[in-house]
């Protein structure tokens, strides 16, 4: 079997594994996808800033960065789930974490409230339930992000686990099966 490189893994995440939430993903596949996603995000950000006046909120919704984010959302979820599977963990955690992270859409409203507090001279912002909820969600997302980071750096389980054969050493599974036949 020919060894895949990072670009091959990225291509497969966008084609054959676009919405594949089954099986396992090696660290190389996951971090390769993250690397190319970062490069695409950086490039679209540069293009957006060169073409659009990014201070207008209506332009941000129609930017190249937004389109790239939408196009890469499902494959990023699927590769994260498969990465968790490789460490013999359920894949719900990254999905839940990203769902919780969507609450940051409310960030402009929270910032507006903070600006109101600063202009009115109010000193106790902790009485506002919106601020408390936002901070609590931020803490959950930060802790969840750290957990996800640790899991994604963890080596996958050797051999077959609940989610499939070892993507790093598929020959290992064949050797084990052959030993039982001798």
Protein backbone atom coordinates (compact mmCIF):
# COMPACT_ATOMS: atom_id res chain seq x y z
CA UNK A 1 0.00 0.00 0.00
CA UNK A 2 1.39 3.39 -1.01
CA UNK A 3 1.90 5.88 1.83
CA UNK A 4 -0.31 9.00 1.62
CA UNK A 5 1.18 12.46 2.06
CA UNK A 6 -0.47 15.44 3.77
CA UNK A 7 -1.95 16.78 0.54
CA UNK A 8 -3.47 13.37 -0.28
CA UNK A 9 -5.14 13.30 3.14
CA UNK A 10 -6.48 16.83 2.63
CA UNK A 11 -7.87 15.90 -0.78
CA UNK A 12 -9.54 12.79 0.62
CA UNK A 13 -11.12 14.87 3.42
CA UNK A 14 -12.68 17.07 0.74
CA UNK A 15 -13.76 14.24 -1.57
CA UNK A 16 -14.25 10.66 -0.41
CA UNK A 17 -14.35 11.50 3.32
CA UNK A 18 -16.22 14.83 3.02
CA UNK A 19 -19.04 13.79 5.38
CA UNK A 20 -17.61 10.47 6.56
CA UNK A 21 -18.07 10.31 10.33
CA UNK A 22 -17.17 6.61 10.49
CA UNK A 23 -13.76 5.05 10.88
CA UNK A 24 -10.52 6.53 12.09
CA UNK A 25 -8.18 9.38 11.11
CA UNK A 26 -4.45 9.41 11.79
CA UNK A 27 -2.78 12.42 13.40
CA UNK A 28 -1.15 13.16 10.03
CA UNK A 29 -4.55 13.30 8.32
CA UNK A 30 -6.07 15.51 11.02
CA UNK A 31 -3.18 17.97 11.35
CA UNK A 32 -2.67 18.05 7.58
CA UNK A 33 -6.30 19.07 7.20
CA UNK A 34 -5.88 21.71 9.92
CA UNK A 35 -2.74 23.04 8.19
CA UNK A 36 -4.41 23.42 4.78
CA UNK A 37 -7.53 24.89 6.39
CA UNK A 38 -5.32 27.48 8.11
CA UNK A 39 -3.58 28.28 4.81
CA UNK A 40 -6.90 28.65 3.01
CA UNK A 41 -8.28 30.85 5.81
CA UNK A 42 -5.18 33.03 5.70
CA UNK A 43 -5.36 33.39 1.93
CA UNK A 44 -9.07 34.22 1.94
CA UNK A 45 -8.51 36.75 4.72
CA UNK A 46 -5.81 38.50 2.68
CA UNK A 47 -8.05 38.48 -0.41
CA UNK A 48 -11.07 39.74 1.56
CA UNK A 49 -9.06 42.59 3.08
CA UNK A 50 -7.67 43.55 -0.33
CA UNK A 51 -11.05 43.53 -2.09
CA UNK A 52 -13.61 44.54 0.54
CA UNK A 53 -13.91 47.21 3.18
CA UNK A 54 -14.17 44.74 6.05
CA UNK A 55 -15.59 47.37 8.41
CA UNK A 56 -18.99 46.96 6.77
CA UNK A 57 -20.78 44.06 8.45
CA UNK A 58 -22.88 43.24 5.38
CA UNK A 59 -19.73 42.56 3.30
CA UNK A 60 -18.35 40.11 5.88
CA UNK A 61 -21.27 37.76 5.34
CA UNK A 62 -20.48 37.55 1.63
CA UNK A 63 -16.71 37.26 1.91
CA UNK A 64 -14.46 34.53 0.52
CA UNK A 65 -13.52 33.63 4.09
CA UNK A 66 -17.15 32.96 4.95
CA UNK A 67 -17.58 30.79 1.87
CA UNK A 68 -14.41 28.83 2.69
CA UNK A 69 -15.55 28.36 6.29
CA UNK A 70 -18.92 27.04 5.16
CA UNK A 71 -17.31 24.72 2.61
CA UNK A 72 -14.82 23.34 5.15
CA UNK A 73 -17.18 23.03 8.11
CA UNK A 74 -18.51 19.51 7.45
CA UNK A 75 -15.15 17.96 6.53
CA UNK A 76 -13.53 19.59 9.57
CA UNK A 77 -16.20 18.02 11.79
CA UNK A 78 -15.86 14.63 10.14
CA UNK A 79 -12.06 14.52 10.41
CA UNK A 80 -12.27 15.61 14.07
CA UNK A 81 -14.78 12.86 14.82
CA UNK A 82 -12.60 10.28 13.06
CA UNK A 83 -9.56 11.56 14.98
CA UNK A 84 -11.41 10.97 18.26
CA UNK A 85 -12.35 7.52 16.98
CA UNK A 86 -8.68 6.77 16.37
CA UNK A 87 -8.03 7.28 20.09
CA UNK A 88 -10.99 4.98 20.85
CA UNK A 89 -13.22 7.85 22.01
CA UNK A 90 -16.70 8.79 20.88
CA UNK A 91 -16.87 11.53 18.29
CA UNK A 92 -19.65 13.55 19.90
CA UNK A 93 -17.30 15.79 21.84
CA UNK A 94 -15.96 17.86 18.92
CA UNK A 95 -19.48 18.19 17.49
CA UNK A 96 -20.87 19.42 20.82
CA UNK A 97 -17.93 21.77 21.31
CA UNK A 98 -18.44 23.35 17.90
CA UNK A 99 -22.17 23.65 18.53
CA UNK A 100 -21.47 25.46 21.79
CA UNK A 101 -18.90 27.64 20.00
CA UNK A 102 -21.65 28.87 17.67
CA UNK A 103 -22.98 30.86 20.62
CA UNK A 104 -20.12 33.27 19.93
CA UNK A 105 -22.32 34.63 17.16
CA UNK A 106 -23.79 36.70 20.00
CA UNK A 107 -20.38 38.35 20.55
CA UNK A 108 -21.29 41.68 18.88
CA UNK A 109 -24.29 42.02 21.21
CA UNK A 110 -22.13 41.31 24.27
CA UNK A 111 -19.49 43.81 23.10
CA UNK A 112 -22.19 46.43 22.61
CA UNK A 113 -23.38 45.83 26.18
CA UNK A 114 -19.82 46.16 27.47
CA UNK A 115 -19.44 49.46 25.60
CA UNK A 116 -22.70 50.65 27.15
CA UNK A 117 -21.40 49.78 30.60
CA UNK A 118 -18.17 51.67 29.98
CA UNK A 119 -19.95 54.81 28.72
CA UNK A 120 -22.56 54.88 31.51
CA UNK A 121 -20.01 54.29 34.25
CA UNK A 122 -21.69 51.12 35.53
CA UNK A 123 -19.13 49.16 37.52
CA UNK A 124 -20.91 45.86 38.15
CA UNK A 125 -21.31 44.15 34.81
CA UNK A 126 -21.62 40.76 36.50
CA UNK A 127 -25.30 41.36 37.19
CA UNK A 128 -26.11 41.09 33.49
CA UNK A 129 -27.16 37.49 32.71
CA UNK A 130 -25.96 37.87 29.11
CA UNK A 131 -22.41 38.64 30.28
CA UNK A 132 -22.44 35.77 32.78
CA UNK A 133 -23.71 33.31 30.16
CA UNK A 134 -21.15 34.48 27.63
CA UNK A 135 -18.25 34.10 30.10
CA UNK A 136 -19.49 30.64 31.16
CA UNK A 137 -19.72 29.53 27.53
CA UNK A 138 -16.25 30.95 26.85
CA UNK A 139 -14.80 28.95 29.76
CA UNK A 140 -16.47 25.75 28.49
CA UNK A 141 -15.13 26.35 24.98
CA UNK A 142 -11.59 27.04 26.25
CA UNK A 143 -11.53 23.92 28.45
CA UNK A 144 -13.11 21.86 25.65
CA UNK A 145 -10.55 23.22 23.20
CA UNK A 146 -7.70 22.15 25.47
CA UNK A 147 -9.21 18.66 25.80
CA UNK A 148 -9.65 18.44 22.02
CA UNK A 149 -6.07 19.57 21.48
CA UNK A 150 -4.72 16.91 23.84
CA UNK A 151 -6.82 14.16 22.21
CA UNK A 152 -5.79 15.23 18.71
CA UNK A 153 -2.10 15.05 19.68
CA UNK A 154 -2.56 11.64 21.35
CA UNK A 155 -1.40 8.61 19.41
CA UNK A 156 -4.22 6.41 18.15
CA UNK A 157 -4.85 2.98 19.55
CA UNK A 158 -2.76 0.21 18.00
CA UNK A 159 -4.70 -2.37 16.05
CA UNK A 160 -8.44 -2.54 15.60
CA UNK A 161 -10.68 -0.65 18.02
CA UNK A 162 -14.46 -0.07 18.22
CA UNK A 163 -14.29 2.28 15.22
CA UNK A 164 -12.28 0.26 12.73
CA UNK A 165 -8.83 -0.92 11.78
CA UNK A 166 -5.65 0.98 12.53
CA UNK A 167 -5.13 3.55 9.73
CA UNK A 168 -1.45 3.89 10.59
CA UNK A 169 -0.65 0.17 10.50
CA UNK A 170 -3.33 -1.75 8.57
CA UNK A 171 -0.80 -4.58 8.13
CA UNK A 172 -0.81 -5.05 11.91
CA UNK A 173 -4.46 -6.13 11.79
CA UNK A 174 -3.70 -8.57 8.95
CA UNK A 175 -0.77 -10.06 10.89
CA UNK A 176 -2.97 -10.64 13.93
CA UNK A 177 -5.62 -12.34 11.79
CA UNK A 178 -2.98 -14.51 10.09
CA UNK A 179 -1.52 -15.59 13.45
CA UNK A 180 -4.94 -16.99 14.37
CA UNK A 181 -5.01 -19.04 11.17
CA UNK A 182 -1.67 -20.79 11.69
